[in-house]
Full PDB file with SEQRES, HELIX, SHEET, SSBOND, CRYST1, ORIGX, SCALE, CONECT and MASTER records, all heavy atoms in Angstrom:
SEQRES   1 A   41  SER ARG GLU LEU SER ARG LEU LEU ARG GLY GLU ILE ARG          
SEQRES   2 A   41  LEU VAL SER ALA PRO SER LYS GLY SER VAL PHE SER LEU          
SEQRES   3 A   41  TYR LEU PRO GLN VAL PHE PRO PRO THR ARG GLN PRO ARG          
SEQRES   4 A   41  LYS THR                                                      
HELIX    1 AA1 ARG A    2  LEU A    7  1                                   6    
SHEET    1 AA1 2 GLU A  11  ALA A  17  0                                        
SHEET    2 AA1 2 GLY A  21  TYR A  27 -1                                        
CRYST1    1.000    1.000    1.000  90.00  90.00  90.00 P 1           1          
ORIGX1      1.000000  0.000000  0.000000        0.00000                         
ORIGX2      0.000000  1.000000  0.000000        0.00000                         
ORIGX3      0.000000  0.000000  1.000000        0.00000                         
SCALE1      1.000000  0.000000  0.000000        0.00000                         
SCALE2      0.000000  1.000000  0.000000        0.00000                         
SCALE3      0.000000  0.000000  1.000000        0.00000                         
ATOM      1  N   SER A   1     121.036 111.534  85.887  1.00  0.00           N  
ATOM      2  CA  SER A   1     119.744 111.625  86.577  1.00  0.00           C  
ATOM      3  C   SER A   1     118.608 111.814  85.575  1.00  0.00           C  
ATOM      4  O   SER A   1     117.522 111.246  85.723  1.00  0.00           O  
ATOM      5  CB  SER A   1     119.763 112.786  87.575  1.00  0.00           C  
ATOM      6  OG  SER A   1     120.765 112.584  88.550  1.00  0.00           O  
ATOM      7  N   ARG A   2     118.857 112.606  84.568  1.00  0.00           N  
ATOM      8  CA  ARG A   2     117.828 112.823  83.548  1.00  0.00           C  
ATOM      9  C   ARG A   2     117.481 111.522  82.832  1.00  0.00           C  
ATOM     10  O   ARG A   2     116.318 111.202  82.590  1.00  0.00           O  
ATOM     11  CB  ARG A   2     118.334 113.855  82.522  1.00  0.00           C  
ATOM     12  CG  ARG A   2     117.304 114.189  81.456  1.00  0.00           C  
ATOM     13  CD  ARG A   2     117.931 114.965  80.321  1.00  0.00           C  
ATOM     14  NE  ARG A   2     119.002 114.173  79.716  1.00  0.00           N  
ATOM     15  CZ  ARG A   2     119.811 114.626  78.776  1.00  0.00           C  
ATOM     16  NH1 ARG A   2     119.708 115.876  78.375  1.00  0.00           N  
ATOM     17  NH2 ARG A   2     120.745 113.855  78.262  1.00  0.00           N  
ATOM     18  N   GLU A   3     118.524 110.725  82.491  1.00  0.00           N  
ATOM     19  CA  GLU A   3     118.265 109.452  81.812  1.00  0.00           C  
ATOM     20  C   GLU A   3     117.514 108.483  82.723  1.00  0.00           C  
ATOM     21  O   GLU A   3     116.638 107.741  82.279  1.00  0.00           O  
ATOM     22  CB  GLU A   3     119.584 108.831  81.338  1.00  0.00           C  
ATOM     23  CG  GLU A   3     120.278 109.622  80.243  1.00  0.00           C  
ATOM     24  CD  GLU A   3     119.374 109.855  79.045  1.00  0.00           C  
ATOM     25  OE1 GLU A   3     118.711 108.899  78.594  1.00  0.00           O  
ATOM     26  OE2 GLU A   3     119.302 111.003  78.570  1.00  0.00           O  
ATOM     27  N   LEU A   4     117.854 108.475  84.019  1.00  0.00           N  
ATOM     28  CA  LEU A   4     117.128 107.611  84.960  1.00  0.00           C  
ATOM     29  C   LEU A   4     115.652 108.012  85.037  1.00  0.00           C  
ATOM     30  O   LEU A   4     114.764 107.165  85.088  1.00  0.00           O  
ATOM     31  CB  LEU A   4     117.772 107.696  86.350  1.00  0.00           C  
ATOM     32  CG  LEU A   4     119.144 107.023  86.495  1.00  0.00           C  
ATOM     33  CD1 LEU A   4     119.742 107.349  87.859  1.00  0.00           C  
ATOM     34  CD2 LEU A   4     119.024 105.523  86.327  1.00  0.00           C  
ATOM     35  N   SER A   5     115.400 109.307  85.031  1.00  0.00           N  
ATOM     36  CA  SER A   5     114.010 109.752  85.091  1.00  0.00           C  
ATOM     37  C   SER A   5     113.249 109.344  83.833  1.00  0.00           C  
ATOM     38  O   SER A   5     112.064 109.001  83.888  1.00  0.00           O  
ATOM     39  CB  SER A   5     113.944 111.276  85.284  1.00  0.00           C  
ATOM     40  OG  SER A   5     114.369 111.962  84.123  1.00  0.00           O  
ATOM     41  N   ARG A   6     113.938 109.369  82.685  1.00  0.00           N  
ATOM     42  CA  ARG A   6     113.281 108.954  81.445  1.00  0.00           C  
ATOM     43  C   ARG A   6     112.951 107.465  81.469  1.00  0.00           C  
ATOM     44  O   ARG A   6     111.915 107.044  80.961  1.00  0.00           O  
ATOM     45  CB  ARG A   6     114.184 109.272  80.249  1.00  0.00           C  
ATOM     46  CG  ARG A   6     114.233 110.762  79.912  1.00  0.00           C  
ATOM     47  CD  ARG A   6     115.145 111.023  78.738  1.00  0.00           C  
ATOM     48  NE  ARG A   6     115.131 112.440  78.372  1.00  0.00           N  
ATOM     49  CZ  ARG A   6     115.912 112.979  77.447  1.00  0.00           C  
ATOM     50  NH1 ARG A   6     116.782 112.219  76.799  1.00  0.00           N  
ATOM     51  NH2 ARG A   6     115.846 114.260  77.160  1.00  0.00           N  
ATOM     52  N   LEU A   7     113.858 106.662  82.049  1.00  0.00           N  
ATOM     53  CA  LEU A   7     113.583 105.228  82.162  1.00  0.00           C  
ATOM     54  C   LEU A   7     112.339 104.963  82.997  1.00  0.00           C  
ATOM     55  O   LEU A   7     111.635 103.976  82.803  1.00  0.00           O  
ATOM     56  CB  LEU A   7     114.791 104.507  82.770  1.00  0.00           C  
ATOM     57  CG  LEU A   7     116.031 104.377  81.881  1.00  0.00           C  
ATOM     58  CD1 LEU A   7     117.196 103.814  82.669  1.00  0.00           C  
ATOM     59  CD2 LEU A   7     115.732 103.496  80.673  1.00  0.00           C  
ATOM     60  N   LEU A   8     112.071 105.867  83.941  1.00  0.00           N  
ATOM     61  CA  LEU A   8     110.876 105.755  84.784  1.00  0.00           C  
ATOM     62  C   LEU A   8     109.665 106.446  84.157  1.00  0.00           C  
ATOM     63  O   LEU A   8     108.654 106.640  84.808  1.00  0.00           O  
ATOM     64  CB  LEU A   8     111.167 106.357  86.167  1.00  0.00           C  
ATOM     65  CG  LEU A   8     112.239 105.621  86.990  1.00  0.00           C  
ATOM     66  CD1 LEU A   8     112.619 106.441  88.219  1.00  0.00           C  
ATOM     67  CD2 LEU A   8     111.727 104.260  87.407  1.00  0.00           C  
ATOM     68  N   ARG A   9     109.794 106.845  82.885  1.00  0.00           N  
ATOM     69  CA  ARG A   9     108.740 107.547  82.126  1.00  0.00           C  
ATOM     70  C   ARG A   9     108.428 108.910  82.732  1.00  0.00           C  
ATOM     71  O   ARG A   9     107.290 109.374  82.687  1.00  0.00           O  
ATOM     72  CB  ARG A   9     107.452 106.708  82.064  1.00  0.00           C  
ATOM     73  CG  ARG A   9     107.646 105.294  81.534  1.00  0.00           C  
ATOM     74  CD  ARG A   9     108.030 105.286  80.058  1.00  0.00           C  
ATOM     75  NE  ARG A   9     107.921 103.938  79.533  1.00  0.00           N  
ATOM     76  CZ  ARG A   9     108.941 103.070  79.507  1.00  0.00           C  
ATOM     77  NH1 ARG A   9     110.119 103.438  79.976  1.00  0.00           N  
ATOM     78  NH2 ARG A   9     108.774 101.864  79.002  1.00  0.00           N  
ATOM     79  N   GLY A  10     109.423 109.538  83.304  1.00  0.00           N  
ATOM     80  CA  GLY A  10     109.231 110.864  83.874  1.00  0.00           C  
ATOM     81  C   GLY A  10     110.224 111.855  83.301  1.00  0.00           C  
ATOM     82  O   GLY A  10     110.819 111.625  82.259  1.00  0.00           O  
ATOM     83  N   GLU A  11     110.435 112.955  84.003  1.00  0.00           N  
ATOM     84  CA  GLU A  11     111.410 113.940  83.547  1.00  0.00           C  
ATOM     85  C   GLU A  11     111.862 114.800  84.711  1.00  0.00           C  
ATOM     86  O   GLU A  11     111.189 114.886  85.745  1.00  0.00           O  
ATOM     87  CB  GLU A  11     110.830 114.819  82.444  1.00  0.00           C  
ATOM     88  CG  GLU A  11     109.722 115.750  82.908  1.00  0.00           C  
ATOM     89  CD  GLU A  11     109.297 116.733  81.827  1.00  0.00           C  
ATOM     90  OE1 GLU A  11     109.535 116.465  80.634  1.00  0.00           O  
ATOM     91  OE2 GLU A  11     108.733 117.780  82.195  1.00  0.00           O  
ATOM     92  N   ILE A  12     113.013 115.447  84.530  1.00  0.00           N  
ATOM     93  CA  ILE A  12     113.524 116.406  85.517  1.00  0.00           C  
ATOM     94  C   ILE A  12     113.463 117.800  84.902  1.00  0.00           C  
ATOM     95  O   ILE A  12     113.836 117.991  83.740  1.00  0.00           O  
ATOM     96  CB  ILE A  12     114.978 116.077  85.903  1.00  0.00           C  
ATOM     97  CG1 ILE A  12     115.025 114.824  86.777  1.00  0.00           C  
ATOM     98  CG2 ILE A  12     115.621 117.239  86.659  1.00  0.00           C  
ATOM     99  CD1 ILE A  12     116.424 114.434  87.205  1.00  0.00           C  
ATOM    100  N   ARG A  13     112.989 118.751  85.686  1.00  0.00           N  
ATOM    101  CA  ARG A  13     113.017 120.158  85.264  1.00  0.00           C  
ATOM    102  C   ARG A  13     113.897 120.941  86.224  1.00  0.00           C  
ATOM    103  O   ARG A  13     113.967 120.620  87.417  1.00  0.00           O  
ATOM    104  CB  ARG A  13     111.611 120.753  85.266  1.00  0.00           C  
ATOM    105  CG  ARG A  13     110.723 120.292  84.121  1.00  0.00           C  
ATOM    106  CD  ARG A  13     109.403 121.046  84.165  1.00  0.00           C  
ATOM    107  NE  ARG A  13     108.549 120.737  83.037  1.00  0.00           N  
ATOM    108  CZ  ARG A  13     107.405 121.367  82.791  1.00  0.00           C  
ATOM    109  NH1 ARG A  13     107.006 122.337  83.606  1.00  0.00           N  
ATOM    110  NH2 ARG A  13     106.668 121.040  81.752  1.00  0.00           N  
ATOM    111  N   LEU A  14     114.535 121.947  85.722  1.00  0.00           N  
ATOM    112  CA  LEU A  14     115.432 122.751  86.539  1.00  0.00           C  
ATOM    113  C   LEU A  14     115.175 124.232  86.311  1.00  0.00           C  
ATOM    114  O   LEU A  14     115.099 124.699  85.175  1.00  0.00           O  
ATOM    115  CB  LEU A  14     116.899 122.419  86.188  1.00  0.00           C  
ATOM    116  CG  LEU A  14     117.961 123.394  86.708  1.00  0.00           C  
ATOM    117  CD1 LEU A  14     117.968 123.421  88.230  1.00  0.00           C  
ATOM    118  CD2 LEU A  14     119.334 122.994  86.174  1.00  0.00           C  
ATOM    119  N   VAL A  15     115.020 124.968  87.407  1.00  0.00           N  
ATOM    120  CA  VAL A  15     114.977 126.431  87.365  1.00  0.00           C  
ATOM    121  C   VAL A  15     116.157 126.926  88.179  1.00  0.00           C  
ATOM    122  O   VAL A  15     116.340 126.511  89.325  1.00  0.00           O  
ATOM    123  CB  VAL A  15     113.672 126.988  87.970  1.00  0.00           C  
ATOM    124  CG1 VAL A  15     113.637 128.503  87.829  1.00  0.00           C  
ATOM    125  CG2 VAL A  15     112.461 126.363  87.310  1.00  0.00           C  
ATOM    126  N   SER A  16     116.992 127.782  87.600  1.00  0.00           N  
ATOM    127  CA  SER A  16     118.182 128.230  88.310  1.00  0.00           C  
ATOM    128  C   SER A  16     118.419 129.714  88.052  1.00  0.00           C  
ATOM    129  O   SER A  16     118.314 130.170  86.917  1.00  0.00           O  
ATOM    130  CB  SER A  16     119.405 127.415  87.842  1.00  0.00           C  
ATOM    131  OG  SER A  16     120.536 127.761  88.600  1.00  0.00           O  
ATOM    132  N   ALA A  17     118.719 130.442  89.113  1.00  0.00           N  
ATOM    133  CA  ALA A  17     118.996 131.869  88.995  1.00  0.00           C  
ATOM    134  C   ALA A  17     120.251 132.197  89.802  1.00  0.00           C  
ATOM    135  O   ALA A  17     120.366 131.778  90.963  1.00  0.00           O  
ATOM    136  CB  ALA A  17     117.813 132.696  89.504  1.00  0.00           C  
ATOM    137  N   PRO A  18     121.207 132.930  89.211  1.00  0.00           N  
ATOM    138  CA  PRO A  18     122.430 133.290  89.940  1.00  0.00           C  
ATOM    139  C   PRO A  18     122.111 133.994  91.249  1.00  0.00           C  
ATOM    140  O   PRO A  18     121.216 134.840  91.324  1.00  0.00           O  
ATOM    141  CB  PRO A  18     123.167 134.212  88.961  1.00  0.00           C  
ATOM    142  CG  PRO A  18     122.637 133.833  87.614  1.00  0.00           C  
ATOM    143  CD  PRO A  18     121.212 133.443  87.832  1.00  0.00           C  
ATOM    144  N   SER A  19     122.817 133.612  92.299  1.00  0.00           N  
ATOM    145  CA  SER A  19     122.706 134.208  93.636  1.00  0.00           C  
ATOM    146  C   SER A  19     121.378 133.907  94.331  1.00  0.00           C  
ATOM    147  O   SER A  19     121.145 134.387  95.439  1.00  0.00           O  
ATOM    148  CB  SER A  19     122.914 135.740  93.575  1.00  0.00           C  
ATOM    149  OG  SER A  19     124.177 136.030  92.997  1.00  0.00           O  
ATOM    150  N   LYS A  20     120.490 133.158  93.691  1.00  0.00           N  
ATOM    151  CA  LYS A  20     119.212 132.824  94.309  1.00  0.00           C  
ATOM    152  C   LYS A  20     119.100 131.338  94.614  1.00  0.00           C  
ATOM    153  O   LYS A  20     118.476 130.956  95.593  1.00  0.00           O  
ATOM    154  CB  LYS A  20     118.053 133.254  93.410  1.00  0.00           C  
ATOM    155  CG  LYS A  20     117.913 134.763  93.267  1.00  0.00           C  
ATOM    156  CD  LYS A  20     116.697 135.114  92.429  1.00  0.00           C  
ATOM    157  CE  LYS A  20     116.540 136.632  92.314  1.00  0.00           C  
ATOM    158  NZ  LYS A  20     115.358 136.994  91.489  1.00  0.00           N  
ATOM    159  N   GLY A  21     119.673 130.510  93.735  1.00  0.00           N  
ATOM    160  CA  GLY A  21     119.597 129.076  93.967  1.00  0.00           C  
ATOM    161  C   GLY A  21     118.914 128.347  92.831  1.00  0.00           C  
ATOM    162  O   GLY A  21     118.581 128.945  91.799  1.00  0.00           O  
ATOM    163  N   SER A  22     118.716 127.053  93.028  1.00  0.00           N  
ATOM    164  CA  SER A  22     118.154 126.202  91.983  1.00  0.00           C  
ATOM    165  C   SER A  22     117.032 125.349  92.547  1.00  0.00           C  
ATOM    166  O   SER A  22     117.041 124.960  93.714  1.00  0.00           O  
ATOM    167  CB  SER A  22     119.233 125.283  91.391  1.00  0.00           C  
ATOM    168  OG  SER A  22     120.314 126.044  90.900  1.00  0.00           O  
ATOM    169  N   VAL A  23     116.049 125.071  91.696  1.00  0.00           N  
ATOM    170  CA  VAL A  23     114.959 124.173  92.050  1.00  0.00           C  
ATOM    171  C   VAL A  23     114.944 123.033  91.037  1.00  0.00           C  
ATOM    172  O   VAL A  23     114.770 123.260  89.848  1.00  0.00           O  
ATOM    173  CB  VAL A  23     113.592 124.894  92.038  1.00  0.00           C  
ATOM    174  CG1 VAL A  23     112.460 123.897  92.320  1.00  0.00           C  
ATOM    175  CG2 VAL A  23     113.578 126.019  93.056  1.00  0.00           C  
ATOM    176  N   PHE A  24     115.155 121.818  91.531  1.00  0.00           N  
ATOM    177  CA  PHE A  24     115.054 120.620  90.698  1.00  0.00           C  
ATOM    178  C   PHE A  24     113.691 119.986  90.965  1.00  0.00           C  
ATOM    179  O   PHE A  24     113.338 119.731  92.125  1.00  0.00           O  
ATOM    180  CB  PHE A  24     116.151 119.603  91.051  1.00  0.00           C  
ATOM    181  CG  PHE A  24     117.534 120.071  90.740  1.00  0.00           C  
ATOM    182  CD1 PHE A  24     118.244 120.868  91.641  1.00  0.00           C  
ATOM    183  CD2 PHE A  24     118.155 119.714  89.551  1.00  0.00           C  
ATOM    184  CE1 PHE A  24     119.525 121.302  91.363  1.00  0.00           C  
ATOM    185  CE2 PHE A  24     119.441 120.131  89.259  1.00  0.00           C  
ATOM    186  CZ  PHE A  24     120.128 120.933  90.163  1.00  0.00           C  
ATOM    187  N   SER A  25     112.920 119.722  89.913  1.00  0.00           N  
ATOM    188  CA  SER A  25     111.604 119.088  90.069  1.00  0.00           C  
ATOM    189  C   SER A  25     111.598 117.787  89.292  1.00  0.00           C  
ATOM    190  O   SER A  25     111.849 117.765  88.088  1.00  0.00           O  
ATOM    191  CB  SER A  25     110.496 120.009  89.545  1.00  0.00           C  
ATOM    192  OG  SER A  25     110.499 121.234  90.258  1.00  0.00           O  
ATOM    193  N   LEU A  26     111.313 116.683  89.988  1.00  0.00           N  
ATOM    194  CA  LEU A  26     111.240 115.367  89.365  1.00  0.00           C  
ATOM    195  C   LEU A  26     109.778 114.979  89.205  1.00  0.00           C  
ATOM    196  O   LEU A  26     109.035 114.915  90.183  1.00  0.00           O  
ATOM    197  CB  LEU A  26     111.966 114.325  90.229  1.00  0.00           C  
ATOM    198  CG  LEU A  26     111.795 112.861  89.816  1.00  0.00           C  
ATOM    199  CD1 LEU A  26     112.369 112.620  88.428  1.00  0.00           C  
ATOM    200  CD2 LEU A  26     112.461 111.940  90.829  1.00  0.00           C  
ATOM    201  N   TYR A  27     109.360 114.746  87.971  1.00  0.00           N  
ATOM    202  CA  TYR A  27     107.982 114.346  87.687  1.00  0.00           C  
ATOM    203  C   TYR A  27     107.970 112.867  87.316  1.00  0.00           C  
ATOM    204  O   TYR A  27     108.714 112.431  86.424  1.00  0.00           O  
ATOM    205  CB  TYR A  27     107.415 115.161  86.518  1.00  0.00           C  
ATOM    206  CG  TYR A  27     107.279 116.629  86.822  1.00  0.00           C  
ATOM    207  CD1 TYR A  27     108.285 117.531  86.458  1.00  0.00           C  
ATOM    208  CD2 TYR A  27     106.145 117.128  87.466  1.00  0.00           C  
ATOM    209  CE1 TYR A  27     108.181 118.876  86.740  1.00  0.00           C  
ATOM    210  CE2 TYR A  27     106.028 118.488  87.746  1.00  0.00           C  
ATOM    211  CZ  TYR A  27     107.049 119.358  87.384  1.00  0.00           C  
ATOM    212  OH  TYR A  27     106.930 120.695  87.653  1.00  0.00           O  
ATOM    213  N   LEU A  28     107.098 112.091  87.984  1.00  0.00           N  
ATOM    214  CA  LEU A  28     106.945 110.666  87.689  1.00  0.00           C  
ATOM    215  C   LEU A  28     105.463 110.335  87.580  1.00  0.00           C  
ATOM    216  O   LEU A  28     104.640 110.903  88.316  1.00  0.00           O  
ATOM    217  CB  LEU A  28     107.575 109.799  88.791  1.00  0.00           C  
ATOM    218  CG  LEU A  28     109.087 109.916  88.987  1.00  0.00           C  
ATOM    219  CD1 LEU A  28     109.527 109.080  90.181  1.00  0.00           C  
ATOM    220  CD2 LEU A  28     109.819 109.473  87.731  1.00  0.00           C  
ATOM    221  N   PRO A  29     105.090 109.421  86.700  1.00  0.00           N  
ATOM    222  CA  PRO A  29     103.680 109.021  86.601  1.00  0.00           C  
ATOM    223  C   PRO A  29     103.258 108.263  87.864  1.00  0.00           C  
ATOM    224  O   PRO A  29     104.060 107.530  88.458  1.00  0.00           O  
ATOM    225  CB  PRO A  29     103.652 108.100  85.372  1.00  0.00           C  
ATOM    226  CG  PRO A  29     105.050 107.610  85.238  1.00  0.00           C  
ATOM    227  CD  PRO A  29     105.932 108.724  85.717  1.00  0.00           C  
ATOM    228  N   GLN A  30     102.028 108.460  88.281  1.00  0.00           N  
ATOM    229  CA  GLN A  30     101.530 107.738  89.466  1.00  0.00           C  
ATOM    230  C   GLN A  30     101.461 106.232  89.201  1.00  0.00           C  
ATOM    231  O   GLN A  30     101.656 105.421  90.090  1.00  0.00           O  
ATOM    232  CB  GLN A  30     100.147 108.257  89.855  1.00  0.00           C  
ATOM    233  CG  GLN A  30     100.196 109.662  90.444  1.00  0.00           C  
ATOM    234  CD  GLN A  30      98.828 110.137  90.895  1.00  0.00           C  
ATOM    235  OE1 GLN A  30      97.813 109.765  90.320  1.00  0.00           O  
ATOM    236  NE2 GLN A  30      98.806 110.980  91.922  1.00  0.00           N  
ATOM    237  N   VAL A  31     101.158 105.883  87.952  1.00  0.00           N  
ATOM    238  CA  VAL A  31     101.125 104.476  87.554  1.00  0.00           C  
ATOM    239  C   VAL A  31     102.164 104.284  86.467  1.00  0.00           C  
ATOM    240  O   VAL A  31     102.126 104.973  85.445  1.00  0.00           O  
ATOM    241  CB  VAL A  31      99.728 104.064  87.032  1.00  0.00           C  
ATOM    242  CG1 VAL A  31      99.735 102.605  86.595  1.00  0.00           C  
ATOM    243  CG2 VAL A  31      98.670 104.307  88.103  1.00  0.00           C  
ATOM    244  N   PHE A  32     103.077 103.336  86.674  1.00  0.00           N  
ATOM    245  CA  PHE A  32     104.144 103.113  85.693  1.00  0.00           C  
ATOM    246  C   PHE A  32     103.545 102.505  84.425  1.00  0.00           C  
ATOM    247  O   PHE A  32     102.856 101.479  84.490  1.00  0.00           O  
ATOM    248  CB  PHE A  32     105.208 102.179  86.267  1.00  0.00           C  
ATOM    249  CG  PHE A  32     106.419 102.053  85.387  1.00  0.00           C  
ATOM    250  CD1 PHE A  32     107.362 103.069  85.343  1.00  0.00           C  
ATOM    251  CD2 PHE A  32     106.617 100.928  84.600  1.00  0.00           C  
ATOM    252  CE1 PHE A  32     108.476 102.966  84.548  1.00  0.00           C  
ATOM    253  CE2 PHE A  32     107.733 100.815  83.790  1.00  0.00           C  
ATOM    254  CZ  PHE A  32     108.666 101.843  83.761  1.00  0.00           C  
ATOM    255  N   PRO A  33     103.771 103.110  83.277  1.00  0.00           N  
ATOM    256  CA  PRO A  33     103.178 102.600  82.028  1.00  0.00           C  
ATOM    257  C   PRO A  33     103.773 101.239  81.656  1.00  0.00           C  
ATOM    258  O   PRO A  33     104.875 100.893  82.083  1.00  0.00           O  
ATOM    259  CB  PRO A  33     103.566 103.649  80.979  1.00  0.00           C  
ATOM    260  CG  PRO A  33     104.133 104.789  81.737  1.00  0.00           C  
ATOM    261  CD  PRO A  33     104.582 104.292  83.064  1.00  0.00           C  
ATOM    262  N   PRO A  34     103.069 100.464  80.831  1.00  0.00           N  
ATOM    263  CA  PRO A  34     103.596  99.167  80.391  1.00  0.00           C  
ATOM    264  C   PRO A  34     104.915  99.347  79.649  1.00  0.00           C  
ATOM    265  O   PRO A  34     105.160 100.377  79.026  1.00  0.00           O  
ATOM    266  CB  PRO A  34     102.509  98.635  79.452  1.00  0.00           C  
ATOM    267  CG  PRO A  34     101.287  99.406  79.785  1.00  0.00           C  
ATOM    268  CD  PRO A  34     101.749 100.737  80.280  1.00  0.00           C  
ATOM    269  N   THR A  35     105.767  98.320  79.722  1.00  0.00           N  
ATOM    270  CA  THR A  35     107.031  98.352  78.988  1.00  0.00           C  
ATOM    271  C   THR A  35     106.738  98.389  77.506  1.00  0.00           C  
ATOM    272  O   THR A  35     105.866  97.684  77.010  1.00  0.00           O  
ATOM    273  CB  THR A  35     107.873  97.103  79.316  1.00  0.00           C  
ATOM    274  OG1 THR A  35     108.067  97.073  80.722  1.00  0.00           O  
ATOM    275  CG2 THR A  35     109.211  97.141  78.597  1.00  0.00           C  
ATOM    276  N   ARG A  36     107.508  99.193  76.776  1.00  0.00           N  
ATOM    277  CA  ARG A  36     107.293  99.294  75.338  1.00  0.00           C  
ATOM    278  C   ARG A  36     107.634  97.973  74.657  1.00  0.00           C  
ATOM    279  O   ARG A  36     108.638  97.347  74.957  1.00  0.00           O  
ATOM    280  CB  ARG A  36     108.171 100.398  74.748  1.00  0.00           C  
ATOM    281  CG  ARG A  36     107.835 101.762  75.305  1.00  0.00           C  
ATOM    282  CD  ARG A  36     108.741 102.806  74.706  1.00  0.00           C  
ATOM    283  NE  ARG A  36     108.495 104.102  75.309  1.00  0.00           N  
ATOM    284  CZ  ARG A  36     109.166 105.197  74.988  1.00  0.00           C  
ATOM    285  NH1 ARG A  36     110.108 105.153  74.093  1.00  0.00           N  
ATOM    286  NH2 ARG A  36     108.883 106.340  75.568  1.00  0.00           N  
ATOM    287  N   GLN A  37     106.779  97.591  73.715  1.00  0.00           N  
ATOM    288  CA  GLN A  37     107.020  96.373  72.958  1.00  0.00           C  
ATOM    289  C   GLN A  37     107.819  96.713  71.704  1.00  0.00           C  
ATOM    290  O   GLN A  37     107.643  97.773  71.102  1.00  0.00           O  
ATOM    291  CB  GLN A  37     105.683  95.734  72.546  1.00  0.00           C  
ATOM    292  CG  GLN A  37     104.832  95.312  73.733  1.00  0.00           C  
ATOM    293  CD  GLN A  37     105.525  94.248  74.571  1.00  0.00           C  
ATOM    294  OE1 GLN A  37     106.163  93.352  74.035  1.00  0.00           O  
ATOM    295  NE2 GLN A  37     105.410  94.371  75.887  1.00  0.00           N  
ATOM    296  N   PRO A  38     108.690  95.819  71.247  1.00  0.00           N  
ATOM    297  CA  PRO A  38     109.467  96.065  70.023  1.00  0.00           C  
ATOM    298  C   PRO A  38     108.539  96.329  68.845  1.00  0.00           C  
ATOM    299  O   PRO A  38     107.531  95.641  68.670  1.00  0.00           O  
ATOM    300  CB  PRO A  38     110.245  94.746  69.835  1.00  0.00           C  
ATOM    301  CG  PRO A  38     110.305  94.139  71.195  1.00  0.00           C  
ATOM    302  CD  PRO A  38     109.037  94.552  71.880  1.00  0.00           C  
ATOM    303  N   ARG A  39     108.894  97.357  68.033  1.00  0.00           N  
ATOM    304  CA  ARG A  39     108.196  97.731  66.807  1.00  0.00           C  
ATOM    305  C   ARG A  39     106.765  98.221  67.061  1.00  0.00           C  
ATOM    306  O   ARG A  39     105.960  98.330  66.160  1.00  0.00           O  
ATOM    307  CB  ARG A  39     108.164  96.586  65.791  1.00  0.00           C  
ATOM    308  CG  ARG A  39     109.535  96.101  65.408  1.00  0.00           C  
ATOM    309  CD  ARG A  39     109.455  95.048  64.315  1.00  0.00           C  
ATOM    310  NE  ARG A  39     110.769  94.557  63.968  1.00  0.00           N  
ATOM    311  CZ  ARG A  39     111.613  95.147  63.134  1.00  0.00           C  
ATOM    312  NH1 ARG A  39     111.241  96.253  62.556  1.00  0.00           N  
ATOM    313  NH2 ARG A  39     112.802  94.637  62.870  1.00  0.00           N  
ATOM    314  N   LYS A  40     106.426  98.458  68.359  1.00  0.00           N  
ATOM    315  CA  LYS A  40     105.106  99.007  68.668  1.00  0.00           C  
ATOM    316  C   LYS A  40     105.280 100.179  69.622  1.00  0.00           C  
ATOM    317  O   LYS A  40     104.620 100.285  70.640  1.00  0.00           O  
ATOM    318  CB  LYS A  40     104.207  97.951  69.290  1.00  0.00           C  
ATOM    319  CG  LYS A  40     103.852  96.806  68.338  1.00  0.00           C  
ATOM    320  CD  LYS A  40     102.929  95.809  68.979  1.00  0.00           C  
ATOM    321  CE  LYS A  40     102.571  94.671  68.046  1.00  0.00           C  
ATOM    322  NZ  LYS A  40     101.673  93.680  68.670  1.00  0.00           N  
ATOM    323  N   THR A  41     106.200 101.066  69.252  1.00  0.00           N  
ATOM    324  CA  THR A  41     106.565 102.137  70.173  1.00  0.00           C  
ATOM    325  C   THR A  41     105.504 103.219  70.267  1.00  0.00           C  
ATOM    326  O   THR A  41     105.433 103.910  71.264  1.00  0.00           O  
ATOM    327  CB  THR A  41     107.886 102.776  69.729  1.00  0.00           C  
ATOM    328  OG1 THR A  41     107.716 103.240  68.372  1.00  0.00           O  
ATOM    329  CG2 THR A  41     109.019 101.776  69.771  1.00  0.00           C  
TER     330      THR A  41                                                      
MASTER        0    0    0    1    2    0    0    6  329    1    0    4          
END                                                                             
């Protein structure tokens, strides 16, 4: 899932506490950036 989010130019964050639960947050750009060009990263 983390790699998929990176392909979308985003990221996943996780907050987790024993006996309380976990929060997964997926951040994605509102506008998908242009595809990276070779040698112009």
